[in-house]
PDB file of N, CA and C in Angstrom:
ATOM      1  N   UNK A   1       2.281   4.713  -6.199  1.00  0.00           N
ATOM      2  CA  UNK A   1       2.040   5.332  -4.914  1.00  0.00           C
ATOM      3  C   UNK A   1       2.610   4.438  -3.808  1.00  0.00           C
ATOM      4  N   UNK A   2       3.274   5.025  -2.860  1.00  0.00           N
ATOM      5  CA  UNK A   2       3.851   4.284  -1.736  1.00  0.00           C
ATOM      6  C   UNK A   2       2.765   3.851  -0.761  1.00  0.00           C
ATOM      7  N   UNK A   3       3.057   2.812  -0.002  1.00  0.00           N
ATOM      8  CA  UNK A   3       2.115   2.377   1.027  1.00  0.00           C
ATOM      9  C   UNK A   3       2.857   2.220   2.344  1.00  0.00           C
ATOM     10  N   UNK A   4       2.095   2.098   3.416  1.00  0.00           N
ATOM     11  CA  UNK A   4       2.676   2.086   4.757  1.00  0.00           C
ATOM     12  C   UNK A   4       1.809   1.202   5.636  1.00  0.00           C
ATOM     13  N   UNK A   5       2.402   0.232   6.314  1.00  0.00           N
ATOM     14  CA  UNK A   5       1.669  -0.674   7.194  1.00  0.00           C
ATOM     15  C   UNK A   5       2.398  -0.701   8.531  1.00  0.00           C
ATOM     16  N   UNK A   6       1.989   0.161   9.444  1.00  0.00           N
ATOM     17  CA  UNK A   6       2.611   0.256  10.767  1.00  0.00           C
ATOM     18  C   UNK A   6       1.504   0.536  11.766  1.00  0.00           C
ATOM     19  N   UNK A   7       1.530  -0.191  12.885  1.00  0.00           N
ATOM     20  CA  UNK A   7       0.514   0.003  13.904  1.00  0.00           C
ATOM     21  C   UNK A   7       1.178   0.056  15.275  1.00  0.00           C
ATOM     22  N   UNK A   8       0.629   0.898  16.140  1.00  0.00           N
ATOM     23  CA  UNK A   8       1.027   0.975  17.536  1.00  0.00           C
ATOM     24  C   UNK A   8      -0.244   0.812  18.367  1.00  0.00           C
ATOM     25  N   UNK A   9      -0.218  -0.092  19.342  1.00  0.00           N
ATOM     26  CA  UNK A   9      -1.330  -0.190  20.276  1.00  0.00           C
ATOM     27  C   UNK A   9      -0.762  -0.251  21.690  1.00  0.00           C
ATOM     28  N   UNK A  10      -1.500   0.322  22.620  1.00  0.00           N
ATOM     29  CA  UNK A  10      -1.149   0.228  24.024  1.00  0.00           C
ATOM     30  C   UNK A  10      -2.392  -0.267  24.740  1.00  0.00           C
ATOM     31  N   UNK A  11      -2.255  -1.386  25.426  1.00  0.00           N
ATOM     32  CA  UNK A  11      -3.404  -1.949  26.100  1.00  0.00           C
ATOM     33  C   UNK A  11      -2.995  -2.995  27.111  1.00  0.00           C
ATOM     34  N   UNK A  12      -3.966  -3.811  27.505  1.00  0.00           N
ATOM     35  CA  UNK A  12      -3.750  -4.807  28.550  1.00  0.00           C
ATOM     36  C   UNK A  12      -4.005  -6.202  28.010  1.00  0.00           C
ATOM     37  N   UNK A  13      -3.207  -7.155  28.497  1.00  0.00           N
ATOM     38  CA  UNK A  13      -3.376  -8.546  28.083  1.00  0.00           C
ATOM     39  C   UNK A  13      -4.650  -9.135  28.689  1.00  0.00           C
ATOM     40  N   UNK A  14      -5.408  -9.832  27.863  1.00  0.00           N
ATOM     41  CA  UNK A  14      -6.634 -10.467  28.322  1.00  0.00           C
ATOM     42  C   UNK A  14      -6.397 -11.838  28.921  1.00  0.00           C
ATOM     43  N   UNK A  15      -5.237 -12.402  28.669  1.00  0.00           N
ATOM     44  CA  UNK A  15      -4.856 -13.703  29.222  1.00  0.00           C
ATOM     45  C   UNK A  15      -3.338 -13.813  29.121  1.00  0.00           C
ATOM     46  N   UNK A  16      -2.776 -14.831  29.759  1.00  0.00           N
ATOM     47  CA  UNK A  16      -1.339 -15.052  29.658  1.00  0.00           C
ATOM     48  C   UNK A  16      -0.954 -15.346  28.208  1.00  0.00           C
ATOM     49  N   UNK A  17       0.233 -14.899  27.764  1.00  0.00           N
ATOM     50  CA  UNK A  17       0.685 -15.236  26.408  1.00  0.00           C
ATOM     51  C   UNK A  17       0.798 -16.755  26.240  1.00  0.00           C
ATOM     52  N   UNK A  18       0.550 -17.219  25.030  1.00  0.00           N
ATOM     53  CA  UNK A  18       0.661 -18.648  24.715  1.00  0.00           C
ATOM     54  C   UNK A  18       1.901 -18.850  23.852  1.00  0.00           C
ATOM     55  N   UNK A  19       2.864 -19.613  24.350  1.00  0.00           N
ATOM     56  CA  UNK A  19       4.115 -19.861  23.632  1.00  0.00           C
ATOM     57  C   UNK A  19       4.063 -21.227  22.964  1.00  0.00           C
ATOM     58  N   UNK A  20       4.431 -21.266  21.685  1.00  0.00           N
ATOM     59  CA  UNK A  20       4.543 -22.509  20.922  1.00  0.00           C
ATOM     60  C   UNK A  20       5.860 -22.467  20.159  1.00  0.00           C
ATOM     61  N   UNK A  21       6.166 -23.568  19.518  1.00  0.00           N
ATOM     62  CA  UNK A  21       7.359 -23.634  18.663  1.00  0.00           C
ATOM     63  C   UNK A  21       6.942 -24.198  17.316  1.00  0.00           C
ATOM     64  N   UNK A  22       7.464 -23.601  16.242  1.00  0.00           N
ATOM     65  CA  UNK A  22       7.176 -24.099  14.900  1.00  0.00           C
ATOM     66  C   UNK A  22       7.911 -25.426  14.698  1.00  0.00           C
ATOM     67  N   UNK A  23       7.684 -26.076  13.562  1.00  0.00           N
ATOM     68  CA  UNK A  23       8.372 -27.332  13.262  1.00  0.00           C
ATOM     69  C   UNK A  23       9.885 -27.157  13.232  1.00  0.00           C
ATOM     70  N   UNK A  24      10.329 -25.958  12.880  1.00  0.00           N
ATOM     71  CA  UNK A  24      11.777 -25.682  12.861  1.00  0.00           C
ATOM     72  C   UNK A  24      12.277 -25.137  14.206  1.00  0.00           C
ATOM     73  N   UNK A  25      11.442 -25.260  15.251  1.00  0.00           N
ATOM     74  CA  UNK A  25      11.779 -24.853  16.624  1.00  0.00           C
ATOM     75  C   UNK A  25      11.930 -23.333  16.807  1.00  0.00           C
ATOM     76  N   UNK A  26      11.245 -22.551  15.992  1.00  0.00           N
ATOM     77  CA  UNK A  26      11.218 -21.104  16.159  1.00  0.00           C
ATOM     78  C   UNK A  26      10.134 -20.754  17.174  1.00  0.00           C
ATOM     79  N   UNK A  27      10.480 -20.024  18.237  1.00  0.00           N
ATOM     80  CA  UNK A  27       9.471 -19.642  19.225  1.00  0.00           C
ATOM     81  C   UNK A  27       8.468 -18.639  18.646  1.00  0.00           C
ATOM     82  N   UNK A  28       7.193 -18.822  18.958  1.00  0.00           N
ATOM     83  CA  UNK A  28       6.140 -17.889  18.563  1.00  0.00           C
ATOM     84  C   UNK A  28       5.128 -17.796  19.700  1.00  0.00           C
ATOM     85  N   UNK A  29       4.835 -16.576  20.103  1.00  0.00           N
ATOM     86  CA  UNK A  29       3.856 -16.352  21.169  1.00  0.00           C
ATOM     87  C   UNK A  29       2.674 -15.583  20.595  1.00  0.00           C
ATOM     88  N   UNK A  30       1.486 -15.937  21.065  1.00  0.00           N
ATOM     89  CA  UNK A  30       0.289 -15.178  20.704  1.00  0.00           C
ATOM     90  C   UNK A  30      -0.287 -14.559  21.969  1.00  0.00           C
ATOM     91  N   UNK A  31      -0.781 -13.342  21.812  1.00  0.00           N
ATOM     92  CA  UNK A  31      -1.361 -12.599  22.928  1.00  0.00           C
ATOM     93  C   UNK A  31      -2.613 -11.891  22.443  1.00  0.00           C
ATOM     94  N   UNK A  32      -3.571 -11.744  23.329  1.00  0.00           N
ATOM     95  CA  UNK A  32      -4.752 -10.941  23.051  1.00  0.00           C
ATOM     96  C   UNK A  32      -4.666  -9.674  23.886  1.00  0.00           C
ATOM     97  N   UNK A  33      -4.635  -8.527  23.192  1.00  0.00           N
ATOM     98  CA  UNK A  33      -4.460  -7.236  23.857  1.00  0.00           C
ATOM     99  C   UNK A  33      -5.739  -6.417  23.674  1.00  0.00           C
ATOM    100  N   UNK A  34      -6.246  -5.886  24.789  1.00  0.00           N
ATOM    101  CA  UNK A  34      -7.461  -5.063  24.762  1.00  0.00           C
ATOM    102  C   UNK A  34      -7.092  -3.590  24.781  1.00  0.00           C
ATOM    103  N   UNK A  35      -7.728  -2.824  23.896  1.00  0.00           N
ATOM    104  CA  UNK A  35      -7.645  -1.365  23.938  1.00  0.00           C
ATOM    105  C   UNK A  35      -9.065  -0.851  24.138  1.00  0.00           C
ATOM    106  N   UNK A  36      -9.210   0.182  24.961  1.00  0.00           N
ATOM    107  CA  UNK A  36     -10.550   0.678  25.285  1.00  0.00           C
ATOM    108  C   UNK A  36     -10.648   2.165  24.995  1.00  0.00           C
ATOM    109  N   UNK A  37     -11.662   2.539  24.215  1.00  0.00           N
ATOM    110  CA  UNK A  37     -11.978   3.943  23.968  1.00  0.00           C
ATOM    111  C   UNK A  37     -13.071   4.348  24.941  1.00  0.00           C
ATOM    112  N   UNK A  38     -12.916   5.531  25.549  1.00  0.00           N
ATOM    113  CA  UNK A  38     -13.890   6.040  26.514  1.00  0.00           C
ATOM    114  C   UNK A  38     -14.331   7.425  26.060  1.00  0.00           C
ATOM    115  N   UNK A  39     -15.657   7.708  26.144  1.00  0.00           N
ATOM    116  CA  UNK A  39     -16.184   9.012  25.781  1.00  0.00           C
ATOM    117  C   UNK A  39     -17.470   9.257  26.562  1.00  0.00           C
ATOM    118  N   UNK A  40     -17.913  10.499  26.539  1.00  0.00           N
ATOM    119  CA  UNK A  40     -19.151  10.881  27.210  1.00  0.00           C
ATOM    120  C   UNK A  40     -20.231  11.109  26.159  1.00  0.00           C
ATOM    121  N   UNK A  41     -21.417  10.585  26.424  1.00  0.00           N
ATOM    122  CA  UNK A  41     -22.564  10.791  25.537  1.00  0.00           C
ATOM    123  C   UNK A  41     -23.771  11.081  26.416  1.00  0.00           C
ATOM    124  N   UNK A  42     -24.316  12.271  26.258  1.00  0.00           N
ATOM    125  CA  UNK A  42     -25.475  12.707  27.036  1.00  0.00           C
ATOM    126  C   UNK A  42     -25.228  12.543  28.535  1.00  0.00           C
ATOM    127  N   UNK A  43     -24.012  12.905  28.963  1.00  0.00           N
ATOM    128  CA  UNK A  43     -23.663  12.860  30.370  1.00  0.00           C
ATOM    129  C   UNK A  43     -23.335  11.475  30.915  1.00  0.00           C
ATOM    130  N   UNK A  44     -23.365  10.474  30.069  1.00  0.00           N
ATOM    131  CA  UNK A  44     -23.084   9.105  30.495  1.00  0.00           C
ATOM    132  C   UNK A  44     -21.754   8.636  29.907  1.00  0.00           C
ATOM    133  N   UNK A  45     -20.990   7.973  30.758  1.00  0.00           N
ATOM    134  CA  UNK A  45     -19.715   7.422  30.309  1.00  0.00           C
ATOM    135  C   UNK A  45     -19.982   6.234  29.384  1.00  0.00           C
ATOM    136  N   UNK A  46     -19.353   6.251  28.227  1.00  0.00           N
ATOM    137  CA  UNK A  46     -19.460   5.172  27.249  1.00  0.00           C
ATOM    138  C   UNK A  46     -18.069   4.589  27.028  1.00  0.00           C
ATOM    139  N   UNK A  47     -17.992   3.320  26.726  1.00  0.00           N
ATOM    140  CA  UNK A  47     -16.701   2.739  26.378  1.00  0.00           C
ATOM    141  C   UNK A  47     -16.892   1.571  25.414  1.00  0.00           C
ATOM    142  N   UNK A  48     -15.841   1.356  24.645  1.00  0.00           N
ATOM    143  CA  UNK A  48     -15.819   0.246  23.689  1.00  0.00           C
ATOM    144  C   UNK A  48     -14.437  -0.380  23.751  1.00  0.00           C
ATOM    145  N   UNK A  49     -14.410  -1.691  23.968  1.00  0.00           N
ATOM    146  CA  UNK A  49     -13.147  -2.414  24.008  1.00  0.00           C
ATOM    147  C   UNK A  49     -12.953  -3.178  22.712  1.00  0.00           C
ATOM    148  N   UNK A  50     -11.784  -3.024  22.136  1.00  0.00           N
ATOM    149  CA  UNK A  50     -11.396  -3.743  20.912  1.00  0.00           C
ATOM    150  C   UNK A  50     -10.304  -4.733  21.292  1.00  0.00           C
ATOM    151  N   UNK A  51     -10.414  -5.968  20.792  1.00  0.00           N
ATOM    152  CA  UNK A  51      -9.411  -7.000  21.059  1.00  0.00           C
ATOM    153  C   UNK A  51      -8.524  -7.178  19.849  1.00  0.00           C
ATOM    154  N   UNK A  52      -7.213  -7.253  20.095  1.00  0.00           N
ATOM    155  CA  UNK A  52      -6.219  -7.388  19.041  1.00  0.00           C
ATOM    156  C   UNK A  52      -5.414  -8.659  19.272  1.00  0.00           C
ATOM    157  N   UNK A  53      -5.327  -9.484  18.251  1.00  0.00           N
ATOM    158  CA  UNK A  53      -4.483 -10.674  18.330  1.00  0.00           C
ATOM    159  C   UNK A  53      -3.080 -10.255  17.906  1.00  0.00           C
ATOM    160  N   UNK A  54      -2.093 -10.523  18.757  1.00  0.00           N
ATOM    161  CA  UNK A  54      -0.710 -10.121  18.507  1.00  0.00           C
ATOM    162  C   UNK A  54       0.154 -11.367  18.439  1.00  0.00           C
ATOM    163  N   UNK A  55       1.016 -11.436  17.424  1.00  0.00           N
ATOM    164  CA  UNK A  55       1.935 -12.550  17.246  1.00  0.00           C
ATOM    165  C   UNK A  55       3.357 -12.015  17.402  1.00  0.00           C
ATOM    166  N   UNK A  56       4.138 -12.694  18.264  1.00  0.00           N
ATOM    167  CA  UNK A  56       5.505 -12.274  18.567  1.00  0.00           C
ATOM    168  C   UNK A  56       6.424 -13.455  18.277  1.00  0.00           C
ATOM    169  N   UNK A  57       7.599 -13.184  17.721  1.00  0.00           N
ATOM    170  CA  UNK A  57       8.506 -14.247  17.282  1.00  0.00           C
ATOM    171  C   UNK A  57       9.828 -14.242  18.044  1.00  0.00           C
ATOM    172  N   UNK A  58      10.509 -15.381  17.992  1.00  0.00           N
ATOM    173  CA  UNK A  58      11.888 -15.570  18.434  1.00  0.00           C
ATOM    174  C   UNK A  58      12.081 -15.278  19.923  1.00  0.00           C
ATOM    175  N   UNK A  59      13.224 -14.714  20.291  1.00  0.00           N
ATOM    176  CA  UNK A  59      13.555 -14.484  21.699  1.00  0.00           C
ATOM    177  C   UNK A  59      12.522 -13.592  22.375  1.00  0.00           C
ATOM    178  N   UNK A  60      12.007 -12.607  21.625  1.00  0.00           N
ATOM    179  CA  UNK A  60      10.991 -11.713  22.178  1.00  0.00           C
ATOM    180  C   UNK A  60       9.736 -12.498  22.573  1.00  0.00           C
ATOM    181  N   UNK A  61       9.400 -13.534  21.808  1.00  0.00           N
ATOM    182  CA  UNK A  61       8.251 -14.384  22.137  1.00  0.00           C
ATOM    183  C   UNK A  61       8.485 -15.099  23.465  1.00  0.00           C
ATOM    184  N   UNK A  62       9.686 -15.625  23.649  1.00  0.00           N
ATOM    185  CA  UNK A  62      10.013 -16.312  24.897  1.00  0.00           C
ATOM    186  C   UNK A  62       9.979 -15.352  26.087  1.00  0.00           C
ATOM    187  N   UNK A  63      10.467 -14.132  25.899  1.00  0.00           N
ATOM    188  CA  UNK A  63      10.431 -13.141  26.968  1.00  0.00           C
ATOM    189  C   UNK A  63       9.004 -12.741  27.324  1.00  0.00           C
ATOM    190  N   UNK A  64       8.161 -12.584  26.325  1.00  0.00           N
ATOM    191  CA  UNK A  64       6.757 -12.261  26.594  1.00  0.00           C
ATOM    192  C   UNK A  64       6.105 -13.370  27.414  1.00  0.00           C
ATOM    193  N   UNK A  65       6.341 -14.622  27.020  1.00  0.00           N
ATOM    194  CA  UNK A  65       5.752 -15.753  27.741  1.00  0.00           C
ATOM    195  C   UNK A  65       6.286 -15.834  29.171  1.00  0.00           C
ATOM    196  N   UNK A  66       7.546 -15.479  29.354  1.00  0.00           N
ATOM    197  CA  UNK A  66       8.171 -15.593  30.678  1.00  0.00           C
ATOM    198  C   UNK A  66       7.749 -14.470  31.625  1.00  0.00           C
ATOM    199  N   UNK A  67       7.653 -13.240  31.118  1.00  0.00           N
ATOM    200  CA  UNK A  67       7.487 -12.088  31.993  1.00  0.00           C
ATOM    201  C   UNK A  67       6.101 -11.438  31.979  1.00  0.00           C
ATOM    202  N   UNK A  68       5.269 -11.752  31.003  1.00  0.00           N
ATOM    203  CA  UNK A  68       3.952 -11.125  30.923  1.00  0.00           C
ATOM    204  C   UNK A  68       2.871 -12.069  31.429  1.00  0.00           C
ATOM    205  N   UNK A  69       1.797 -11.478  31.937  1.00  0.00           N
ATOM    206  CA  UNK A  69       0.648 -12.263  32.380  1.00  0.00           C
ATOM    207  C   UNK A  69      -0.622 -11.433  32.192  1.00  0.00           C
ATOM    208  N   UNK A  70      -1.741 -12.088  32.356  1.00  0.00           N
ATOM    209  CA  UNK A  70      -3.046 -11.444  32.195  1.00  0.00           C
ATOM    210  C   UNK A  70      -3.104 -10.132  32.976  1.00  0.00           C
ATOM    211  N   UNK A  71      -3.614  -9.082  32.314  1.00  0.00           N
ATOM    212  CA  UNK A  71      -3.770  -7.779  32.944  1.00  0.00           C
ATOM    213  C   UNK A  71      -2.593  -6.841  32.761  1.00  0.00           C
ATOM    214  N   UNK A  72      -1.453  -7.360  32.357  1.00  0.00           N
ATOM    215  CA  UNK A  72      -0.247  -6.539  32.199  1.00  0.00           C
ATOM    216  C   UNK A  72      -0.402  -5.587  31.020  1.00  0.00           C
ATOM    217  N   UNK A  73       0.120  -4.375  31.174  1.00  0.00           N
ATOM    218  CA  UNK A  73       0.073  -3.362  30.119  1.00  0.00           C
ATOM    219  C   UNK A  73       1.269  -3.513  29.191  1.00  0.00           C
ATOM    220  N   UNK A  74       1.017  -3.361  27.887  1.00  0.00           N
ATOM    221  CA  UNK A  74       2.075  -3.453  26.884  1.00  0.00           C
ATOM    222  C   UNK A  74       1.882  -2.387  25.809  1.00  0.00           C
ATOM    223  N   UNK A  75       2.992  -2.033  25.180  1.00  0.00           N
ATOM    224  CA  UNK A  75       2.986  -1.179  23.998  1.00  0.00           C
ATOM    225  C   UNK A  75       3.530  -2.038  22.863  1.00  0.00           C
ATOM    226  N   UNK A  76       2.720  -2.234  21.839  1.00  0.00           N
ATOM    227  CA  UNK A  76       3.078  -3.110  20.719  1.00  0.00           C
ATOM    228  C   UNK A  76       3.265  -2.270  19.471  1.00  0.00           C
ATOM    229  N   UNK A  77       4.358  -2.530  18.765  1.00  0.00           N
ATOM    230  CA  UNK A  77       4.604  -1.935  17.455  1.00  0.00           C
ATOM    231  C   UNK A  77       4.705  -3.081  16.464  1.00  0.00           C
ATOM    232  N   UNK A  78       4.060  -2.930  15.314  1.00  0.00           N
ATOM    233  CA  UNK A  78       4.127  -3.989  14.315  1.00  0.00           C
ATOM    234  C   UNK A  78       3.375  -3.618  13.060  1.00  0.00           C
ATOM    235  N   UNK A  79       2.952  -4.667  12.338  1.00  0.00           N
ATOM    236  CA  UNK A  79       2.174  -4.446  11.120  1.00  0.00           C
ATOM    237  C   UNK A  79       0.962  -5.367  11.130  1.00  0.00           C
ATOM    238  N   UNK A  80      -0.082  -4.938  10.459  1.00  0.00           N
ATOM    239  CA  UNK A  80      -1.307  -5.714  10.365  1.00  0.00           C
ATOM    240  C   UNK A  80      -1.189  -6.670   9.190  1.00  0.00           C
ATOM    241  N   UNK A  81      -1.555  -7.924   9.442  1.00  0.00           N
ATOM    242  CA  UNK A  81      -1.567  -8.878   8.334  1.00  0.00           C
ATOM    243  C   UNK A  81      -2.739  -9.833   8.510  1.00  0.00           C
ATOM    244  N   UNK A  82      -3.227 -10.336   7.401  1.00  0.00           N
ATOM    245  CA  UNK A  82      -4.325 -11.303   7.389  1.00  0.00           C
ATOM    246  C   UNK A  82      -3.812 -12.596   6.796  1.00  0.00           C
ATOM    247  N   UNK A  83      -4.043 -13.684   7.516  1.00  0.00           N
ATOM    248  CA  UNK A  83      -3.667 -15.017   7.029  1.00  0.00           C
ATOM    249  C   UNK A  83      -4.930 -15.782   6.667  1.00  0.00           C
ATOM    250  N   UNK A  84      -4.813 -16.622   5.639  1.00  0.00           N
ATOM    251  CA  UNK A  84      -5.933 -17.489   5.258  1.00  0.00           C
ATOM    252  C   UNK A  84      -5.462 -18.933   5.219  1.00  0.00           C
ATOM    253  N   UNK A  85      -6.379 -19.844   5.490  1.00  0.00           N
ATOM    254  CA  UNK A  85      -6.094 -21.274   5.437  1.00  0.00           C
ATOM    255  C   UNK A  85      -7.406 -22.026   5.280  1.00  0.00           C
ATOM    256  N   UNK A  86      -7.287 -23.297   4.975  1.00  0.00           N
ATOM    257  CA  UNK A  86      -8.463 -24.168   4.916  1.00  0.00           C
ATOM    258  C   UNK A  86      -8.472 -25.045   6.145  1.00  0.00           C
ATOM    259  N   UNK A  87      -9.630 -25.122   6.806  1.00  0.00           N
ATOM    260  CA  UNK A  87      -9.724 -25.989   7.981  1.00  0.00           C
ATOM    261  C   UNK A  87      -9.900 -27.440   7.528  1.00  0.00           C
ATOM    262  N   UNK A  88     -10.009 -28.358   8.495  1.00  0.00           N
ATOM    263  CA  UNK A  88     -10.086 -29.787   8.172  1.00  0.00           C
ATOM    264  C   UNK A  88     -11.342 -30.162   7.395  1.00  0.00           C
ATOM    265  N   UNK A  89     -12.357 -29.271   7.398  1.00  0.00           N
ATOM    266  CA  UNK A  89     -13.585 -29.509   6.640  1.00  0.00           C
ATOM    267  C   UNK A  89     -13.567 -28.839   5.268  1.00  0.00           C
ATOM    268  N   UNK A  90     -12.423 -28.259   4.918  1.00  0.00           N
ATOM    269  CA  UNK A  90     -12.302 -27.609   3.615  1.00  0.00           C
ATOM    270  C   UNK A  90     -12.846 -26.189   3.576  1.00  0.00           C
ATOM    271  N   UNK A  91     -13.253 -25.643   4.717  1.00  0.00           N
ATOM    272  CA  UNK A  91     -13.774 -24.280   4.783  1.00  0.00           C
ATOM    273  C   UNK A  91     -12.612 -23.287   4.807  1.00  0.00           C
ATOM    274  N   UNK A  92     -12.745 -22.208   4.061  1.00  0.00           N
ATOM    275  CA  UNK A  92     -11.721 -21.168   4.066  1.00  0.00           C
ATOM    276  C   UNK A  92     -11.870 -20.337   5.338  1.00  0.00           C
ATOM    277  N   UNK A  93     -10.782 -20.180   6.066  1.00  0.00           N
ATOM    278  CA  UNK A  93     -10.748 -19.404   7.306  1.00  0.00           C
ATOM    279  C   UNK A  93      -9.726 -18.290   7.158  1.00  0.00           C
ATOM    280  N   UNK A  94      -9.907 -17.246   7.967  1.00  0.00           N
ATOM    281  CA  UNK A  94      -8.928 -16.168   7.965  1.00  0.00           C
ATOM    282  C   UNK A  94      -8.853 -15.536   9.346  1.00  0.00           C
ATOM    283  N   UNK A  95      -7.739 -14.887   9.606  1.00  0.00           N
ATOM    284  CA  UNK A  95      -7.574 -14.115  10.826  1.00  0.00           C
ATOM    285  C   UNK A  95      -6.719 -12.889  10.511  1.00  0.00           C
ATOM    286  N   UNK A  96      -7.063 -11.798  11.152  1.00  0.00           N
ATOM    287  CA  UNK A  96      -6.279 -10.576  11.034  1.00  0.00           C
ATOM    288  C   UNK A  96      -5.578 -10.365  12.366  1.00  0.00           C
ATOM    289  N   UNK A  97      -4.273 -10.114  12.302  1.00  0.00           N
ATOM    290  CA  UNK A  97      -3.483 -10.018  13.521  1.00  0.00           C
ATOM    291  C   UNK A  97      -2.385  -8.983  13.349  1.00  0.00           C
ATOM    292  N   UNK A  98      -1.774  -8.643  14.464  1.00  0.00           N
ATOM    293  CA  UNK A  98      -0.624  -7.739  14.447  1.00  0.00           C
ATOM    294  C   UNK A  98       0.625  -8.594  14.579  1.00  0.00           C
ATOM    295  N   UNK A  99       1.503  -8.506  13.594  1.00  0.00           N
ATOM    296  CA  UNK A  99       2.791  -9.186  13.638  1.00  0.00           C
ATOM    297  C   UNK A  99       3.750  -8.193  14.302  1.00  0.00           C
ATOM    298  N   UNK A 100       4.091  -8.456  15.566  1.00  0.00           N
ATOM    299  CA  UNK A 100       4.843  -7.490  16.367  1.00  0.00           C
ATOM    300  C   UNK A 100       6.315  -7.456  15.985  1.00  0.00           C
ATOM    301  N   UNK A 101       6.845  -6.246  15.847  1.00  0.00           N
ATOM    302  CA  UNK A 101       8.281  -6.070  15.697  1.00  0.00           C
ATOM    303  C   UNK A 101       8.892  -5.659  17.031  1.00  0.00           C
ATOM    304  N   UNK A 102       8.055  -5.127  17.941  1.00  0.00           N
ATOM    305  CA  UNK A 102       8.524  -4.704  19.258  1.00  0.00           C
ATOM    306  C   UNK A 102       7.375  -4.783  20.255  1.00  0.00           C
ATOM    307  N   UNK A 103       7.679  -5.316  21.449  1.00  0.00           N
ATOM    308  CA  UNK A 103       6.725  -5.325  22.555  1.00  0.00           C
ATOM    309  C   UNK A 103       7.432  -4.741  23.767  1.00  0.00           C
ATOM    310  N   UNK A 104       6.913  -3.623  24.269  1.00  0.00           N
ATOM    311  CA  UNK A 104       7.476  -3.008  25.470  1.00  0.00           C
ATOM    312  C   UNK A 104       6.582  -3.337  26.654  1.00  0.00           C
ATOM    313  N   UNK A 105       7.184  -3.807  27.731  1.00  0.00           N
ATOM    314  CA  UNK A 105       6.451  -4.121  28.954  1.00  0.00           C
ATOM    315  C   UNK A 105       6.289  -2.813  29.715  1.00  0.00           C
ATOM    316  N   UNK A 106       5.053  -2.456  30.037  1.00  0.00           N
ATOM    317  CA  UNK A 106       4.778  -1.199  30.734  1.00  0.00           C
ATOM    318  C   UNK A 106       4.453  -1.474  32.199  1.00  0.00           C
ATOM    319  N   UNK A 107       4.722  -0.483  33.061  1.00  0.00           N
ATOM    320  CA  UNK A 107       4.346  -0.671  34.467  1.00  0.00           C
ATOM    321  C   UNK A 107       2.828  -0.747  34.574  1.00  0.00           C
ATOM    322  N   UNK A 108       2.347  -1.566  35.482  1.00  0.00           N
ATOM    323  CA  UNK A 108       0.917  -1.618  35.754  1.00  0.00           C
ATOM    324  C   UNK A 108       0.504  -0.342  36.483  1.00  0.00           C
ATOM    325  N   UNK A 109      -0.780  -0.084  36.533  1.00  0.00           N
ATOM    326  CA  UNK A 109      -1.261   1.142  37.176  1.00  0.00           C
ATOM    327  C   UNK A 109      -0.926   1.188  38.656  1.00  0.00           C
ATOM    328  N   UNK A 110      -0.616   0.032  39.254  1.00  0.00           N
ATOM    329  CA  UNK A 110      -0.226  -0.008  40.656  1.00  0.00           C
ATOM    330  C   UNK A 110       1.232   0.427  40.839  1.00  0.00           C
ATOM    331  N   UNK A 111       1.933   0.609  39.715  1.00  0.00           N
ATOM    332  CA  UNK A 111       3.330   1.002  39.771  1.00  0.00           C
ATOM    333  C   UNK A 111       4.273  -0.193  39.837  1.00  0.00           C
ATOM    334  N   UNK A 112       3.734  -1.398  39.832  1.00  0.00           N
ATOM    335  CA  UNK A 112       4.567  -2.594  39.871  1.00  0.00           C
ATOM    336  C   UNK A 112       4.745  -3.128  38.470  1.00  0.00           C
ATOM    337  N   UNK A 113       5.825  -3.879  38.269  1.00  0.00           N
ATOM    338  CA  UNK A 113       6.017  -4.574  37.001  1.00  0.00           C
ATOM    339  C   UNK A 113       6.828  -3.814  36.078  1.00  0.00           C
TER     340      UNK A 113
END
C-alpha cells in the first residue's frame, strides 16, 4: 500500500525565526507557527491554537530569517517527521516537526508585507 506524507499549514509566527548553521555550514532556520481553529458552541465563540515547529533549510532558511518576524503570516508546505535523541543525562527525547519544502510569505492583515 502506498503512503503519503504532505502537510500544508497557514498561520502566524509566534517569534522571529532562529537561524543556525550546521557543522558543514548548511543554513537551518526554526520557526514556531500558530494555527487557530474557531467555532461557536452554545452561542459562545471558542478557539484552539495549535503550535507547529517548522524547520527550513538552505537559502530559504536565510530568507526566512532575513524577511520574517513575529506575527507574520506564512503558508508552509512540507512533511511531518519525528526526530529522537538522547540528552546529556541519557534520557530519550523526541520532537515532531514540519520539514518545510516551501515557505510562502503572506501579506499581513494590515495589507503590509
